């Protein structure tokens, strides 16, 4: 820390810019998470070939965490396909897309992915993409027949068509060796299929 004390404001700003650029270049964004979120991230990647399911209470930042995991994955795995499904198209627009924008706010412009609104897709310069869809009104059907290296189901315990969503997304990781992450507030009904995951 004493080495930094002798630096000018401009030198400190340049060091900060370089550190930020490095973190974004390699997809190392855990500094944006709180302690509990970092612990969940470590647990997830301690068994990188296994699906991950977590019931997390409201207001714990699970959507932020899941969006950050999607972004990190897309950066670290060039050419990868990430599918991100949320409860409704309305929640995609009002919760998920703003979470992505918040996380990406300090991403250097030359590394920032491009958002294509008509496709609800973030495209990265390395060939990776994150496609977002709601599960209401069968919006998830537009993801059918594709492949995925990572599937994220946000608020999965509230999908009305849980089994149908699973039938569309489940096979997408078979040929890629990909994984599925399900995070959700616990379901209101004990009979919801999320309970058996």
Protein backbone atom coordinates (compact mmCIF):
# COMPACT_ATOMS: atom_id res chain seq x y z
CA UNK A 1 0.00 0.00 0.00
CA UNK A 2 2.91 2.37 0.73
CA UNK A 3 4.00 2.10 -2.93
CA UNK A 4 0.67 3.57 -4.01
CA UNK A 5 1.02 6.53 -1.66
CA UNK A 6 3.74 8.04 -3.84
CA UNK A 7 1.73 7.81 -7.05
CA UNK A 8 0.04 10.77 -8.63
CA UNK A 9 -3.71 10.87 -9.21
CA UNK A 10 -3.15 10.17 -12.93
CA UNK A 11 -0.88 7.20 -12.17
CA UNK A 12 -3.45 5.74 -9.80
CA UNK A 13 -6.20 6.22 -12.38
CA UNK A 14 -4.08 4.44 -14.99
CA UNK A 15 -3.40 1.53 -12.60
CA UNK A 16 -7.13 1.28 -11.92
CA UNK A 17 -7.89 1.30 -15.65
CA UNK A 18 -5.32 -1.44 -16.30
CA UNK A 19 -6.62 -3.58 -13.41
CA UNK A 20 -10.19 -3.20 -14.66
CA UNK A 21 -9.18 -4.06 -18.21
CA UNK A 22 -7.30 -7.15 -17.01
CA UNK A 23 -10.22 -8.41 -14.90
CA UNK A 24 -12.66 -7.97 -17.77
CA UNK A 25 -10.25 -9.50 -20.31
CA UNK A 26 -10.03 -12.76 -18.38
CA UNK A 27 -13.58 -12.80 -16.99
CA UNK A 28 -12.56 -12.48 -13.35
CA UNK A 29 -15.47 -10.53 -11.88
CA UNK A 30 -15.80 -12.02 -8.38
CA UNK A 31 -14.85 -8.63 -6.89
CA UNK A 32 -18.36 -7.50 -7.84
CA UNK A 33 -19.93 -10.08 -5.49
CA UNK A 34 -20.50 -10.06 -1.76
CA UNK A 35 -19.04 -12.75 0.52
CA UNK A 36 -22.05 -15.11 0.27
CA UNK A 37 -22.24 -14.74 -3.51
CA UNK A 38 -18.50 -15.46 -3.81
CA UNK A 39 -18.97 -18.59 -1.68
CA UNK A 40 -21.77 -19.79 -4.00
CA UNK A 41 -19.55 -19.06 -7.02
CA UNK A 42 -16.71 -21.10 -5.51
CA UNK A 43 -19.10 -23.96 -4.70
CA UNK A 44 -20.42 -23.92 -8.28
CA UNK A 45 -16.98 -24.12 -9.90
CA UNK A 46 -15.58 -26.60 -7.34
CA UNK A 47 -17.50 -29.23 -9.35
CA UNK A 48 -17.54 -27.73 -12.85
CA UNK A 49 -19.10 -30.73 -14.62
CA UNK A 50 -22.14 -31.03 -12.36
CA UNK A 51 -25.44 -29.16 -12.51
CA UNK A 52 -25.96 -26.66 -9.70
CA UNK A 53 -29.25 -26.03 -7.87
CA UNK A 54 -29.74 -23.46 -5.11
CA UNK A 55 -32.84 -22.29 -3.26
CA UNK A 56 -32.01 -18.76 -2.10
CA UNK A 57 -34.30 -16.37 -0.25
CA UNK A 58 -35.52 -13.12 -1.79
CA UNK A 59 -33.34 -10.00 -1.93
CA UNK A 60 -30.06 -11.95 -1.75
CA UNK A 61 -28.93 -10.93 -5.23
CA UNK A 62 -29.42 -14.31 -6.92
CA UNK A 63 -30.30 -12.81 -10.32
CA UNK A 64 -27.30 -10.48 -10.17
CA UNK A 65 -25.12 -13.48 -9.25
CA UNK A 66 -26.55 -15.59 -12.08
CA UNK A 67 -26.09 -12.80 -14.65
CA UNK A 68 -22.48 -12.31 -13.53
CA UNK A 69 -21.81 -16.06 -13.81
CA UNK A 70 -23.22 -15.98 -17.37
CA UNK A 71 -20.97 -13.06 -18.33
CA UNK A 72 -17.85 -14.60 -16.78
CA UNK A 73 -18.54 -17.88 -18.56
CA UNK A 74 -19.03 -16.18 -21.94
CA UNK A 75 -15.72 -14.36 -21.57
CA UNK A 76 -13.74 -17.38 -20.34
CA UNK A 77 -15.13 -19.76 -22.99
CA UNK A 78 -14.80 -18.21 -26.46
CA UNK A 79 -17.50 -19.30 -28.87
CA UNK A 80 -19.75 -20.54 -26.08
CA UNK A 81 -23.53 -20.43 -26.07
CA UNK A 82 -25.29 -19.46 -22.84
CA UNK A 83 -29.07 -19.72 -22.47
CA UNK A 84 -30.62 -17.68 -19.65
CA UNK A 85 -34.31 -18.18 -18.86
CA UNK A 86 -36.35 -16.24 -16.34
CA UNK A 87 -39.95 -16.50 -15.17
CA UNK A 88 -41.53 -14.08 -17.65
CA UNK A 89 -40.66 -11.82 -20.59
CA UNK A 90 -41.62 -8.93 -18.31
CA UNK A 91 -39.04 -10.04 -15.71
CA UNK A 92 -36.45 -10.33 -18.50
CA UNK A 93 -37.06 -6.69 -19.43
CA UNK A 94 -37.49 -5.28 -15.92
CA UNK A 95 -34.99 -7.36 -13.92
CA UNK A 96 -32.55 -9.41 -16.01
CA UNK A 97 -31.57 -6.96 -18.74
CA UNK A 98 -30.97 -4.17 -16.15
CA UNK A 99 -28.81 -6.59 -14.10
CA UNK A 100 -26.67 -7.28 -17.16
CA UNK A 101 -26.35 -3.54 -17.85
CA UNK A 102 -25.39 -2.87 -14.23
CA UNK A 103 -22.66 -5.52 -14.26
CA UNK A 104 -21.36 -4.34 -17.65
CA UNK A 105 -21.36 -0.64 -16.68
CA UNK A 106 -17.61 -0.53 -16.03
CA UNK A 107 -16.62 -2.96 -18.78
CA UNK A 108 -14.10 -1.27 -21.12
CA UNK A 109 -15.83 -0.32 -24.37
CA UNK A 110 -13.53 -2.47 -26.50
CA UNK A 111 -14.54 -5.55 -24.46
CA UNK A 112 -18.23 -4.78 -23.93
CA UNK A 113 -20.65 -7.19 -25.62
CA UNK A 114 -23.26 -5.86 -28.02
CA UNK A 115 -26.92 -6.24 -27.10
CA UNK A 116 -29.34 -7.14 -29.89
CA UNK A 117 -32.83 -6.28 -28.56
CA UNK A 118 -34.85 -8.16 -31.19
CA UNK A 119 -33.04 -11.39 -30.28
CA UNK A 120 -32.58 -10.58 -26.56
CA UNK A 121 -28.97 -11.60 -27.09
CA UNK A 122 -25.63 -10.33 -25.83
CA UNK A 123 -22.90 -10.97 -28.42
CA UNK A 124 -19.26 -10.98 -27.36
CA UNK A 125 -16.27 -10.22 -29.57
CA UNK A 126 -14.87 -13.70 -28.80
CA UNK A 127 -17.88 -15.37 -30.49
CA UNK A 128 -19.77 -16.18 -27.29
CA UNK A 129 -23.39 -15.23 -26.85
CA UNK A 130 -25.95 -15.07 -24.06
CA UNK A 131 -29.57 -15.52 -25.16
CA UNK A 132 -32.29 -14.48 -22.70
CA UNK A 133 -35.93 -15.59 -22.69
CA UNK A 134 -38.93 -15.68 -20.41
CA UNK A 135 -40.85 -18.89 -19.83
CA UNK A 136 -44.36 -17.45 -20.00
CA UNK A 137 -46.41 -17.89 -23.17
CA UNK A 138 -43.87 -20.48 -24.30
CA UNK A 139 -41.20 -17.88 -25.14
CA UNK A 140 -38.63 -20.56 -24.31
CA UNK A 141 -39.70 -22.39 -27.49
CA UNK A 142 -37.50 -20.04 -29.52
CA UNK A 143 -34.52 -21.73 -27.86
CA UNK A 144 -35.56 -25.21 -29.02
CA UNK A 145 -33.08 -27.27 -31.05
CA UNK A 146 -30.04 -25.22 -30.12
CA UNK A 147 -26.93 -26.21 -28.21
CA UNK A 148 -25.71 -24.67 -24.99
CA UNK A 149 -22.56 -24.79 -22.92
CA UNK A 150 -24.34 -23.21 -19.97
CA UNK A 151 -28.06 -23.03 -19.16
CA UNK A 152 -29.26 -20.76 -16.36
CA UNK A 153 -32.81 -21.03 -15.01
CA UNK A 154 -33.56 -18.02 -12.83
CA UNK A 155 -36.55 -18.35 -10.44
CA UNK A 156 -37.05 -21.89 -11.73
CA UNK A 157 -39.43 -22.73 -8.88
CA UNK A 158 -41.94 -20.32 -10.44
CA UNK A 159 -41.90 -21.63 -14.02
CA UNK A 160 -45.46 -22.61 -14.93
CA UNK A 161 -44.18 -25.03 -17.57
CA UNK A 162 -41.16 -26.34 -15.65
CA UNK A 163 -41.11 -29.79 -17.26
CA UNK A 164 -41.62 -28.36 -20.75
CA UNK A 165 -38.81 -25.82 -20.23
CA UNK A 166 -36.58 -28.64 -19.04
CA UNK A 167 -37.50 -30.72 -22.12
CA UNK A 168 -36.38 -27.83 -24.38
CA UNK A 169 -33.23 -26.83 -22.52
CA UNK A 170 -32.06 -30.12 -20.99
CA UNK A 171 -30.86 -31.77 -24.22
CA UNK A 172 -28.89 -28.67 -25.25
CA UNK A 173 -25.96 -29.55 -23.00
CA UNK A 174 -25.71 -33.20 -24.06
CA UNK A 175 -23.30 -32.69 -26.97
CA UNK A 176 -21.37 -29.80 -25.40
CA UNK A 177 -20.70 -31.30 -21.97
CA UNK A 178 -22.36 -28.18 -20.60
CA UNK A 179 -24.06 -27.65 -17.27
CA UNK A 180 -27.31 -26.22 -15.95
CA UNK A 181 -27.62 -23.78 -13.06
CA UNK A 182 -30.99 -23.39 -11.34
CA UNK A 183 -31.42 -20.64 -8.76
CA UNK A 184 -34.71 -19.71 -7.21
CA UNK A 185 -36.62 -18.50 -4.24
CA UNK A 186 -38.16 -21.63 -2.67
CA UNK A 187 -41.47 -22.57 -4.37
CA UNK A 188 -44.82 -21.73 -2.83
CA UNK A 189 -46.04 -25.26 -3.61
CA UNK A 190 -44.22 -28.27 -2.17
CA UNK A 191 -45.25 -30.22 -5.27
CA UNK A 192 -43.31 -28.04 -7.73
CA UNK A 193 -40.73 -30.07 -9.71
CA UNK A 194 -37.95 -27.72 -8.52
CA UNK A 195 -38.29 -29.33 -5.09
CA UNK A 196 -36.99 -32.65 -6.41
CA UNK A 197 -33.88 -31.15 -8.06
